[in-house]
């Protein structure tokens, strides 16, 4: 089935493709492949007239706003982050018209201006890509779904820590809240 996107009502949301995250394990697609596909999506989205949102995660300089709940697994990020942790992948070719969102937790909506900026632009459809499928992408997708955005999740432009984590959300969560598509399908819908 052909997918249609209305450019003025669509935003590409690229999540956590930043230096600190890109050094961590990624599967089933290596981080470099995810970045390459996301860069192609950015170019196509901009050419089509869509809003591009580049999301990064970074605690405040003193780290006081980092979440520290009691949990069975240790936090995924190191306690002392390198200075270039939040630098976006240069392949994304950040442009002056791109929206930059810095989040302090997994999801891109809570505590940020993302929803406000999207609604002011009358955006109702989000195309999501980035890392990590079952953490940042899933958190953002669930929040977007609860805010009534239509979602497209770009399966081969999303990675997780393991192939199993990626497969689980792609099979059981994302099809319930949006449409799961390949990069080639979204590029075609953008007119690339």
C-alpha atoms as a PDB file:
ATOM      1  CA  UNK A   1       0.000   0.000   0.000  1.00  0.00           C
ATOM      2  CA  UNK A   2       1.347   3.411  -1.015  1.00  0.00           C
ATOM      3  CA  UNK A   3       2.112   5.786   1.833  1.00  0.00           C
ATOM      4  CA  UNK A   4       1.229   9.452   1.433  1.00  0.00           C
ATOM      5  CA  UNK A   5       2.690  12.246   3.530  1.00  0.00           C
ATOM      6  CA  UNK A   6       1.578  15.859   3.582  1.00  0.00           C
ATOM      7  CA  UNK A   7       4.916  17.700   3.940  1.00  0.00           C
ATOM      8  CA  UNK A   8       3.595  20.770   5.764  1.00  0.00           C
ATOM      9  CA  UNK A   9       1.968  18.530   8.400  1.00  0.00           C
ATOM     10  CA  UNK A  10       4.859  16.080   8.783  1.00  0.00           C
ATOM     11  CA  UNK A  11       8.001  16.211  10.890  1.00  0.00           C
ATOM     12  CA  UNK A  12      10.991  13.897  10.796  1.00  0.00           C
ATOM     13  CA  UNK A  13      12.139  13.343  14.387  1.00  0.00           C
ATOM     14  CA  UNK A  14      15.705  12.016  14.639  1.00  0.00           C
ATOM     15  CA  UNK A  15      16.465  10.735  18.128  1.00  0.00           C
ATOM     16  CA  UNK A  16      19.814  10.547  19.930  1.00  0.00           C
ATOM     17  CA  UNK A  17      22.144  10.277  16.945  1.00  0.00           C
ATOM     18  CA  UNK A  18      24.906  11.958  18.898  1.00  0.00           C
ATOM     19  CA  UNK A  19      28.540  11.166  19.624  1.00  0.00           C
ATOM     20  CA  UNK A  20      27.999   9.688  23.089  1.00  0.00           C
ATOM     21  CA  UNK A  21      25.233   7.319  21.982  1.00  0.00           C
ATOM     22  CA  UNK A  22      26.852   6.308  18.695  1.00  0.00           C
ATOM     23  CA  UNK A  23      29.813   4.755  20.538  1.00  0.00           C
ATOM     24  CA  UNK A  24      27.530   2.231  22.257  1.00  0.00           C
ATOM     25  CA  UNK A  25      26.521  -1.166  20.792  1.00  0.00           C
ATOM     26  CA  UNK A  26      23.724  -1.062  18.197  1.00  0.00           C
ATOM     27  CA  UNK A  27      21.747  -3.870  16.551  1.00  0.00           C
ATOM     28  CA  UNK A  28      20.409  -5.245  14.288  1.00  0.00           C
ATOM     29  CA  UNK A  29      21.777  -2.305  12.305  1.00  0.00           C
ATOM     30  CA  UNK A  30      25.171  -0.799  13.128  1.00  0.00           C
ATOM     31  CA  UNK A  31      25.047   2.823  14.295  1.00  0.00           C
ATOM     32  CA  UNK A  32      26.823   3.980  11.120  1.00  0.00           C
ATOM     33  CA  UNK A  33      24.024   2.500   8.961  1.00  0.00           C
ATOM     34  CA  UNK A  34      21.350   4.133  11.117  1.00  0.00           C
ATOM     35  CA  UNK A  35      23.107   7.494  10.785  1.00  0.00           C
ATOM     36  CA  UNK A  36      23.458   7.041   7.011  1.00  0.00           C
ATOM     37  CA  UNK A  37      19.763   6.272   6.608  1.00  0.00           C
ATOM     38  CA  UNK A  38      18.747   9.092   8.962  1.00  0.00           C
ATOM     39  CA  UNK A  39      20.899  11.523   6.966  1.00  0.00           C
ATOM     40  CA  UNK A  40      19.129  10.456   3.755  1.00  0.00           C
ATOM     41  CA  UNK A  41      15.773  10.935   5.496  1.00  0.00           C
ATOM     42  CA  UNK A  42      16.847  14.416   6.673  1.00  0.00           C
ATOM     43  CA  UNK A  43      17.801  15.469   3.137  1.00  0.00           C
ATOM     44  CA  UNK A  44      14.555  14.136   1.679  1.00  0.00           C
ATOM     45  CA  UNK A  45      12.404  15.663   4.426  1.00  0.00           C
ATOM     46  CA  UNK A  46      14.007  19.085   4.018  1.00  0.00           C
ATOM     47  CA  UNK A  47      13.642  18.913   0.223  1.00  0.00           C
ATOM     48  CA  UNK A  48       9.954  18.020   0.612  1.00  0.00           C
ATOM     49  CA  UNK A  49       9.358  20.947   2.982  1.00  0.00           C
ATOM     50  CA  UNK A  50       8.953  18.886   6.172  1.00  0.00           C
ATOM     51  CA  UNK A  51      10.141  20.032   9.567  1.00  0.00           C
ATOM     52  CA  UNK A  52      13.269  18.217  10.771  1.00  0.00           C
ATOM     53  CA  UNK A  53      13.669  17.800  14.528  1.00  0.00           C
ATOM     54  CA  UNK A  54      17.049  16.696  15.858  1.00  0.00           C
ATOM     55  CA  UNK A  55      16.748  15.367  19.399  1.00  0.00           C
ATOM     56  CA  UNK A  56      19.663  14.794  21.736  1.00  0.00           C
ATOM     57  CA  UNK A  57      19.884  13.680  25.342  1.00  0.00           C
ATOM     58  CA  UNK A  58      22.075  15.411  27.880  1.00  0.00           C
ATOM     59  CA  UNK A  59      21.847  16.092  31.590  1.00  0.00           C
ATOM     60  CA  UNK A  60      22.574  19.546  32.948  1.00  0.00           C
ATOM     61  CA  UNK A  61      26.302  20.264  33.498  1.00  0.00           C
ATOM     62  CA  UNK A  62      26.092  19.399  37.194  1.00  0.00           C
ATOM     63  CA  UNK A  63      24.051  16.249  36.504  1.00  0.00           C
ATOM     64  CA  UNK A  64      21.545  17.211  39.198  1.00  0.00           C
ATOM     65  CA  UNK A  65      18.574  16.684  36.868  1.00  0.00           C
ATOM     66  CA  UNK A  66      19.504  13.097  35.957  1.00  0.00           C
ATOM     67  CA  UNK A  67      16.944  10.466  36.887  1.00  0.00           C
ATOM     68  CA  UNK A  68      18.135   8.121  39.619  1.00  0.00           C
ATOM     69  CA  UNK A  69      15.304   5.735  40.423  1.00  0.00           C
ATOM     70  CA  UNK A  70      15.970   2.496  42.247  1.00  0.00           C
ATOM     71  CA  UNK A  71      16.194  -0.178  39.566  1.00  0.00           C
ATOM     72  CA  UNK A  72      17.540  -3.661  38.957  1.00  0.00           C
ATOM     73  CA  UNK A  73      19.789  -2.585  36.084  1.00  0.00           C
ATOM     74  CA  UNK A  74      22.461   0.103  36.241  1.00  0.00           C
ATOM     75  CA  UNK A  75      21.911   3.291  34.226  1.00  0.00           C
ATOM     76  CA  UNK A  76      22.931   3.005  30.582  1.00  0.00           C
ATOM     77  CA  UNK A  77      25.056   6.151  30.487  1.00  0.00           C
ATOM     78  CA  UNK A  78      28.359   6.650  32.301  1.00  0.00           C
ATOM     79  CA  UNK A  79      28.252   8.939  35.349  1.00  0.00           C
ATOM     80  CA  UNK A  80      30.879  11.305  33.867  1.00  0.00           C
ATOM     81  CA  UNK A  81      29.967  12.177  30.291  1.00  0.00           C
ATOM     82  CA  UNK A  82      32.633  13.344  27.843  1.00  0.00           C
ATOM     83  CA  UNK A  83      32.388  16.986  26.689  1.00  0.00           C
ATOM     84  CA  UNK A  84      31.280  15.985  23.162  1.00  0.00           C
ATOM     85  CA  UNK A  85      28.574  13.561  24.425  1.00  0.00           C
ATOM     86  CA  UNK A  86      25.629  15.552  23.002  1.00  0.00           C
ATOM     87  CA  UNK A  87      27.187  16.624  19.681  1.00  0.00           C
ATOM     88  CA  UNK A  88      24.896  15.573  16.853  1.00  0.00           C
ATOM     89  CA  UNK A  89      26.291  13.297  14.153  1.00  0.00           C
ATOM     90  CA  UNK A  90      27.738  15.621  11.481  1.00  0.00           C
ATOM     91  CA  UNK A  91      26.194  13.461   8.735  1.00  0.00           C
ATOM     92  CA  UNK A  92      22.775  14.817   9.756  1.00  0.00           C
ATOM     93  CA  UNK A  93      23.933  18.159   8.291  1.00  0.00           C
ATOM     94  CA  UNK A  94      22.099  20.362  10.782  1.00  0.00           C
ATOM     95  CA  UNK A  95      20.418  23.261   8.987  1.00  0.00           C
ATOM     96  CA  UNK A  96      19.258  26.637  10.356  1.00  0.00           C
ATOM     97  CA  UNK A  97      15.587  25.650   9.975  1.00  0.00           C
ATOM     98  CA  UNK A  98      15.938  22.405  11.941  1.00  0.00           C
ATOM     99  CA  UNK A  99      14.457  22.284  15.424  1.00  0.00           C
ATOM    100  CA  UNK A 100      16.885  21.134  18.122  1.00  0.00           C
ATOM    101  CA  UNK A 101      15.426  19.498  21.220  1.00  0.00           C
ATOM    102  CA  UNK A 102      17.531  18.615  24.243  1.00  0.00           C
ATOM    103  CA  UNK A 103      15.847  16.104  26.501  1.00  0.00           C
ATOM    104  CA  UNK A 104      16.854  15.048  29.999  1.00  0.00           C
ATOM    105  CA  UNK A 105      15.315  11.560  30.024  1.00  0.00           C
ATOM    106  CA  UNK A 106      14.285   8.819  27.583  1.00  0.00           C
ATOM    107  CA  UNK A 107      11.353  10.458  25.798  1.00  0.00           C
ATOM    108  CA  UNK A 108      11.527  13.617  23.688  1.00  0.00           C
ATOM    109  CA  UNK A 109       8.208  15.091  24.881  1.00  0.00           C
ATOM    110  CA  UNK A 110       8.353  15.293  28.675  1.00  0.00           C
ATOM    111  CA  UNK A 111       9.990  18.503  29.906  1.00  0.00           C
ATOM    112  CA  UNK A 112      10.761  19.842  26.402  1.00  0.00           C
ATOM    113  CA  UNK A 113       9.106  22.200  23.917  1.00  0.00           C
ATOM    114  CA  UNK A 114       8.654  19.466  21.308  1.00  0.00           C
ATOM    115  CA  UNK A 115       4.850  19.238  21.470  1.00  0.00           C
ATOM    116  CA  UNK A 116       4.468  23.031  21.537  1.00  0.00           C
ATOM    117  CA  UNK A 117       6.742  23.520  18.522  1.00  0.00           C
ATOM    118  CA  UNK A 118       5.011  20.776  16.526  1.00  0.00           C
ATOM    119  CA  UNK A 119       1.509  22.046  17.290  1.00  0.00           C
ATOM    120  CA  UNK A 120       2.434  25.647  16.428  1.00  0.00           C
ATOM    121  CA  UNK A 121       3.488  24.351  13.028  1.00  0.00           C
ATOM    122  CA  UNK A 122       0.275  22.282  12.704  1.00  0.00           C
ATOM    123  CA  UNK A 123       2.251  19.039  12.513  1.00  0.00           C
ATOM    124  CA  UNK A 124       0.132  15.909  12.974  1.00  0.00           C
ATOM    125  CA  UNK A 125       2.406  13.199  11.535  1.00  0.00           C
ATOM    126  CA  UNK A 126       5.792  12.166  12.921  1.00  0.00           C
ATOM    127  CA  UNK A 127       8.409  10.020  11.220  1.00  0.00           C
ATOM    128  CA  UNK A 128      10.722   8.576  13.880  1.00  0.00           C
ATOM    129  CA  UNK A 129      14.240   7.212  13.510  1.00  0.00           C
ATOM    130  CA  UNK A 130      17.365   6.935  15.672  1.00  0.00           C
ATOM    131  CA  UNK A 131      18.602   5.005  18.689  1.00  0.00           C
ATOM    132  CA  UNK A 132      17.405   3.192  20.839  1.00  0.00           C
ATOM    133  CA  UNK A 133      14.301   1.356  19.656  1.00  0.00           C
ATOM    134  CA  UNK A 134      13.054   0.114  23.010  1.00  0.00           C
ATOM    135  CA  UNK A 135      14.123   3.117  25.071  1.00  0.00           C
ATOM    136  CA  UNK A 136      14.216   6.596  23.491  1.00  0.00           C
ATOM    137  CA  UNK A 137      12.216   5.771  20.366  1.00  0.00           C
ATOM    138  CA  UNK A 138       9.590   3.762  22.226  1.00  0.00           C
ATOM    139  CA  UNK A 139       9.203   6.402  24.948  1.00  0.00           C
ATOM    140  CA  UNK A 140       8.825   9.163  22.370  1.00  0.00           C
ATOM    141  CA  UNK A 141       6.470   7.078  20.200  1.00  0.00           C
ATOM    142  CA  UNK A 142       4.197   6.224  23.123  1.00  0.00           C
ATOM    143  CA  UNK A 143       4.038   9.887  24.184  1.00  0.00           C
ATOM    144  CA  UNK A 144       3.311  10.948  20.598  1.00  0.00           C
ATOM    145  CA  UNK A 145       0.573   8.320  20.276  1.00  0.00           C
ATOM    146  CA  UNK A 146      -1.046   9.547  23.507  1.00  0.00           C
ATOM    147  CA  UNK A 147      -0.965  13.076  22.056  1.00  0.00           C
ATOM    148  CA  UNK A 148      -2.795  11.827  18.905  1.00  0.00           C
ATOM    149  CA  UNK A 149       0.072  12.157  16.424  1.00  0.00           C
ATOM    150  CA  UNK A 150       0.129   9.754  13.484  1.00  0.00           C
ATOM    151  CA  UNK A 151       3.387   7.798  13.579  1.00  0.00           C
ATOM    152  CA  UNK A 152       5.699   6.230  11.055  1.00  0.00           C
ATOM    153  CA  UNK A 153       8.566   4.238  12.560  1.00  0.00           C
ATOM    154  CA  UNK A 154      11.441   3.673  10.156  1.00  0.00           C
ATOM    155  CA  UNK A 155      12.462   0.102  11.007  1.00  0.00           C
ATOM    156  CA  UNK A 156      15.881   0.059   9.317  1.00  0.00           C
ATOM    157  CA  UNK A 157      16.787   3.563  10.532  1.00  0.00           C
ATOM    158  CA  UNK A 158      16.269   2.520  14.155  1.00  0.00           C
ATOM    159  CA  UNK A 159      18.599   0.380  16.262  1.00  0.00           C
ATOM    160  CA  UNK A 160      18.628  -0.961  19.813  1.00  0.00           C
ATOM    161  CA  UNK A 161      21.280  -2.537  22.038  1.00  0.00           C
ATOM    162  CA  UNK A 162      20.381  -5.983  20.692  1.00  0.00           C
ATOM    163  CA  UNK A 163      18.514  -7.474  17.754  1.00  0.00           C
ATOM    164  CA  UNK A 164      16.061  -9.055  20.218  1.00  0.00           C
ATOM    165  CA  UNK A 165      15.140  -5.693  21.786  1.00  0.00           C
ATOM    166  CA  UNK A 166      14.658  -4.170  18.320  1.00  0.00           C
ATOM    167  CA  UNK A 167      12.541  -7.086  17.096  1.00  0.00           C
ATOM    168  CA  UNK A 168      10.313  -7.039  20.174  1.00  0.00           C
ATOM    169  CA  UNK A 169       9.159  -3.424  19.794  1.00  0.00           C
ATOM    170  CA  UNK A 170       8.925  -3.660  16.012  1.00  0.00           C
ATOM    171  CA  UNK A 171       6.706  -6.736  16.292  1.00  0.00           C
ATOM    172  CA  UNK A 172       4.616  -6.034  19.401  1.00  0.00           C
ATOM    173  CA  UNK A 173       4.531  -2.308  20.215  1.00  0.00           C
ATOM    174  CA  UNK A 174       5.057  -0.144  17.141  1.00  0.00           C
ATOM    175  CA  UNK A 175       2.420  -1.760  14.864  1.00  0.00           C
ATOM    176  CA  UNK A 176      -0.192  -0.955  17.534  1.00  0.00           C
ATOM    177  CA  UNK A 177       0.603   2.747  17.661  1.00  0.00           C
ATOM    178  CA  UNK A 178       1.788   3.548  14.139  1.00  0.00           C
ATOM    179  CA  UNK A 179       3.022   2.298  10.798  1.00  0.00           C
ATOM    180  CA  UNK A 180       6.356   0.462  10.571  1.00  0.00           C
ATOM    181  CA  UNK A 181       8.112   1.123   7.271  1.00  0.00           C
ATOM    182  CA  UNK A 182      11.545   0.875   5.628  1.00  0.00           C
ATOM    183  CA  UNK A 183      13.703   3.875   4.729  1.00  0.00           C
ATOM    184  CA  UNK A 184      13.055   3.354   1.023  1.00  0.00           C
ATOM    185  CA  UNK A 185       9.276   3.615   1.598  1.00  0.00           C
ATOM    186  CA  UNK A 186       9.602   6.876   3.522  1.00  0.00           C
ATOM    187  CA  UNK A 187      12.029   8.345   0.987  1.00  0.00           C
ATOM    188  CA  UNK A 188       9.506   7.559  -1.731  1.00  0.00           C
ATOM    189  CA  UNK A 189       6.723   9.204   0.306  1.00  0.00           C
ATOM    190  CA  UNK A 190       8.959  12.296   0.690  1.00  0.00           C
ATOM    191  CA  UNK A 191       9.318  12.347  -3.093  1.00  0.00           C
ATOM    192  CA  UNK A 192      13.023  11.477  -3.066  1.00  0.00           C
END
